[in-house]
C-alpha atoms as a PDB file:
ATOM      1  CA  UNK A   1       5.599 -13.086 -15.145  1.00  0.00           C
ATOM      2  CA  UNK A   2       2.627 -10.915 -15.988  1.00  0.00           C
ATOM      3  CA  UNK A   3       2.451 -11.347 -19.720  1.00  0.00           C
ATOM      4  CA  UNK A   4       0.011  -8.315 -20.120  1.00  0.00           C
ATOM      5  CA  UNK A   5       2.300  -6.174 -18.541  1.00  0.00           C
ATOM      6  CA  UNK A   6       5.150  -7.553 -20.473  1.00  0.00           C
ATOM      7  CA  UNK A   7       3.308  -6.931 -23.811  1.00  0.00           C
ATOM      8  CA  UNK A   8       2.274  -3.654 -23.401  1.00  0.00           C
ATOM      9  CA  UNK A   9       5.958  -2.499 -22.060  1.00  0.00           C
ATOM     10  CA  UNK A  10       7.684  -4.458 -24.998  1.00  0.00           C
ATOM     11  CA  UNK A  11       5.110  -3.661 -28.073  1.00  0.00           C
ATOM     12  CA  UNK A  12       3.201  -0.652 -26.810  1.00  0.00           C
ATOM     13  CA  UNK A  13       0.057  -0.349 -29.180  1.00  0.00           C
ATOM     14  CA  UNK A  14       0.721  -4.145 -30.351  1.00  0.00           C
ATOM     15  CA  UNK A  15      -2.922  -5.522 -30.986  1.00  0.00           C
ATOM     16  CA  UNK A  16      -3.174  -9.164 -29.703  1.00  0.00           C
ATOM     17  CA  UNK A  17      -5.547 -11.601 -28.314  1.00  0.00           C
ATOM     18  CA  UNK A  18      -4.894 -13.611 -25.295  1.00  0.00           C
ATOM     19  CA  UNK A  19      -6.207 -16.795 -23.652  1.00  0.00           C
ATOM     20  CA  UNK A  20      -4.000 -17.878 -21.229  1.00  0.00           C
ATOM     21  CA  UNK A  21      -0.055 -18.193 -21.652  1.00  0.00           C
ATOM     22  CA  UNK A  22       2.289 -16.977 -24.046  1.00  0.00           C
ATOM     23  CA  UNK A  23       1.046 -20.268 -26.130  1.00  0.00           C
ATOM     24  CA  UNK A  24      -2.379 -18.653 -26.532  1.00  0.00           C
ATOM     25  CA  UNK A  25      -0.918 -15.355 -27.825  1.00  0.00           C
ATOM     26  CA  UNK A  26      -2.075 -14.530 -31.220  1.00  0.00           C
ATOM     27  CA  UNK A  27      -0.495 -11.482 -32.468  1.00  0.00           C
ATOM     28  CA  UNK A  28      -2.699  -9.416 -35.063  1.00  0.00           C
ATOM     29  CA  UNK A  29      -2.090  -8.910 -38.950  1.00  0.00           C
ATOM     30  CA  UNK A  30      -2.645  -5.386 -38.315  1.00  0.00           C
ATOM     31  CA  UNK A  31       0.713  -4.800 -36.243  1.00  0.00           C
ATOM     32  CA  UNK A  32       3.519  -3.337 -37.861  1.00  0.00           C
ATOM     33  CA  UNK A  33       6.105  -5.190 -35.448  1.00  0.00           C
ATOM     34  CA  UNK A  34       6.758  -8.457 -35.114  1.00  0.00           C
ATOM     35  CA  UNK A  35       5.423 -10.764 -32.484  1.00  0.00           C
ATOM     36  CA  UNK A  36       7.853 -10.541 -29.406  1.00  0.00           C
ATOM     37  CA  UNK A  37       9.143 -13.742 -28.375  1.00  0.00           C
ATOM     38  CA  UNK A  38       8.721 -15.183 -25.133  1.00  0.00           C
ATOM     39  CA  UNK A  39      12.249 -14.278 -24.192  1.00  0.00           C
ATOM     40  CA  UNK A  40      11.612 -10.712 -25.073  1.00  0.00           C
ATOM     41  CA  UNK A  41       8.616 -10.537 -22.742  1.00  0.00           C
ATOM     42  CA  UNK A  42      10.540 -12.193 -19.998  1.00  0.00           C
ATOM     43  CA  UNK A  43      13.316  -9.483 -20.552  1.00  0.00           C
ATOM     44  CA  UNK A  44      10.411  -7.070 -20.558  1.00  0.00           C
ATOM     45  CA  UNK A  45       9.057  -8.110 -17.269  1.00  0.00           C
ATOM     46  CA  UNK A  46      12.484  -7.923 -16.024  1.00  0.00           C
ATOM     47  CA  UNK A  47      12.442  -4.268 -16.757  1.00  0.00           C
ATOM     48  CA  UNK A  48       9.506  -3.489 -15.547  1.00  0.00           C
ATOM     49  CA  UNK A  49       8.257  -5.912 -12.441  1.00  0.00           C
ATOM     50  CA  UNK A  50       9.587  -3.687  -9.637  1.00  0.00           C
ATOM     51  CA  UNK A  51       7.608  -0.629 -10.957  1.00  0.00           C
ATOM     52  CA  UNK A  52       4.481  -2.869 -11.332  1.00  0.00           C
ATOM     53  CA  UNK A  53       4.981  -4.081  -7.791  1.00  0.00           C
ATOM     54  CA  UNK A  54       5.156  -0.572  -6.693  1.00  0.00           C
ATOM     55  CA  UNK A  55       1.849   0.570  -8.274  1.00  0.00           C
ATOM     56  CA  UNK A  56      -0.661  -0.193  -5.454  1.00  0.00           C
ATOM     57  CA  UNK A  57       1.769   1.528  -2.711  1.00  0.00           C
ATOM     58  CA  UNK A  58       2.250   4.461  -5.116  1.00  0.00           C
ATOM     59  CA  UNK A  59      -1.672   4.735  -5.548  1.00  0.00           C
ATOM     60  CA  UNK A  60      -2.172   4.586  -1.801  1.00  0.00           C
ATOM     61  CA  UNK A  61       0.503   6.957  -1.169  1.00  0.00           C
ATOM     62  CA  UNK A  62      -0.850   9.291  -3.672  1.00  0.00           C
ATOM     63  CA  UNK A  63      -4.383   9.004  -2.606  1.00  0.00           C
ATOM     64  CA  UNK A  64      -3.412   9.837   1.115  1.00  0.00           C
ATOM     65  CA  UNK A  65      -1.325  12.973  -0.180  1.00  0.00           C
ATOM     66  CA  UNK A  66      -4.432  13.901  -2.034  1.00  0.00           C
ATOM     67  CA  UNK A  67      -6.560  13.667   1.113  1.00  0.00           C
ATOM     68  CA  UNK A  68      -4.357  15.642   3.207  1.00  0.00           C
ATOM     69  CA  UNK A  69      -3.931  18.506   0.561  1.00  0.00           C
ATOM     70  CA  UNK A  70      -6.471  20.684   2.587  1.00  0.00           C
ATOM     71  CA  UNK A  71      -4.177  20.746   5.719  1.00  0.00           C
ATOM     72  CA  UNK A  72      -1.483  22.879   3.511  1.00  0.00           C
ATOM     73  CA  UNK A  73      -3.840  25.769   2.589  1.00  0.00           C
ATOM     74  CA  UNK A  74      -3.570  29.046   3.905  1.00  0.00           C
ATOM     75  CA  UNK A  75      -6.616  29.059   5.801  1.00  0.00           C
ATOM     76  CA  UNK A  76      -6.525  25.801   7.307  1.00  0.00           C
ATOM     77  CA  UNK A  77      -6.393  25.363  11.009  1.00  0.00           C
ATOM     78  CA  UNK A  78      -4.369  22.034  10.829  1.00  0.00           C
ATOM     79  CA  UNK A  79      -1.287  21.597  12.487  1.00  0.00           C
ATOM     80  CA  UNK A  80       1.255  22.576   9.314  1.00  0.00           C
ATOM     81  CA  UNK A  81       4.384  21.091  11.140  1.00  0.00           C
ATOM     82  CA  UNK A  82       2.600  17.922  11.885  1.00  0.00           C
ATOM     83  CA  UNK A  83       0.799  17.541   8.607  1.00  0.00           C
ATOM     84  CA  UNK A  84       4.086  18.688   6.629  1.00  0.00           C
ATOM     85  CA  UNK A  85       5.929  15.736   8.393  1.00  0.00           C
ATOM     86  CA  UNK A  86       3.208  13.237   7.609  1.00  0.00           C
ATOM     87  CA  UNK A  87       3.094  14.549   3.828  1.00  0.00           C
ATOM     88  CA  UNK A  88       6.892  14.461   3.596  1.00  0.00           C
ATOM     89  CA  UNK A  89       6.869  10.802   4.873  1.00  0.00           C
ATOM     90  CA  UNK A  90       4.670   9.665   2.436  1.00  0.00           C
ATOM     91  CA  UNK A  91       6.532  11.160  -0.476  1.00  0.00           C
ATOM     92  CA  UNK A  92       9.745   9.205   0.947  1.00  0.00           C
ATOM     93  CA  UNK A  93       8.081   5.751   1.148  1.00  0.00           C
ATOM     94  CA  UNK A  94       9.657   4.930  -2.536  1.00  0.00           C
ATOM     95  CA  UNK A  95      13.043   5.535  -1.269  1.00  0.00           C
ATOM     96  CA  UNK A  96      12.804   4.315   2.208  1.00  0.00           C
ATOM     97  CA  UNK A  97      11.544   1.004   1.477  1.00  0.00           C
ATOM     98  CA  UNK A  98      13.147  -1.738  -0.873  1.00  0.00           C
ATOM     99  CA  UNK A  99       9.803  -3.674  -1.412  1.00  0.00           C
ATOM    100  CA  UNK A 100       6.259  -2.494  -1.424  1.00  0.00           C
ATOM    101  CA  UNK A 101       5.197  -5.152   1.252  1.00  0.00           C
ATOM    102  CA  UNK A 102       7.617  -3.600   3.599  1.00  0.00           C
ATOM    103  CA  UNK A 103       6.140  -0.343   3.805  1.00  0.00           C
ATOM    104  CA  UNK A 104       5.151   0.988   7.023  1.00  0.00           C
ATOM    105  CA  UNK A 105       2.669   3.608   6.592  1.00  0.00           C
ATOM    106  CA  UNK A 106       2.975   6.882   8.540  1.00  0.00           C
ATOM    107  CA  UNK A 107       0.120   7.664  11.254  1.00  0.00           C
ATOM    108  CA  UNK A 108      -1.949  10.725  10.549  1.00  0.00           C
ATOM    109  CA  UNK A 109      -1.626  13.577  12.462  1.00  0.00           C
ATOM    110  CA  UNK A 110      -4.596  14.194  15.195  1.00  0.00           C
END
């Protein structure tokens, strides 16, 4: 479990200090909600762990899309079909792969 991600999900806007695991979590008095239990944080992690795991792959995918935006401009001499297929393959990655570590990145057109 990623305790920080779990805290951010379970108690957005909460104020706390942490110096290790749950046992070191100090819930500050300025909070209007109670300190989450370990079980609450584990449940929060179960809700978000897949999304968190996919973040690096989504960032890479988005960066590759941004880097290839120029290929779709009207005055670009790029092969719009080849680049369009590449860009679509990038957009389809989250639907085509179960786990981010299984992603096979498409090859950029020449």
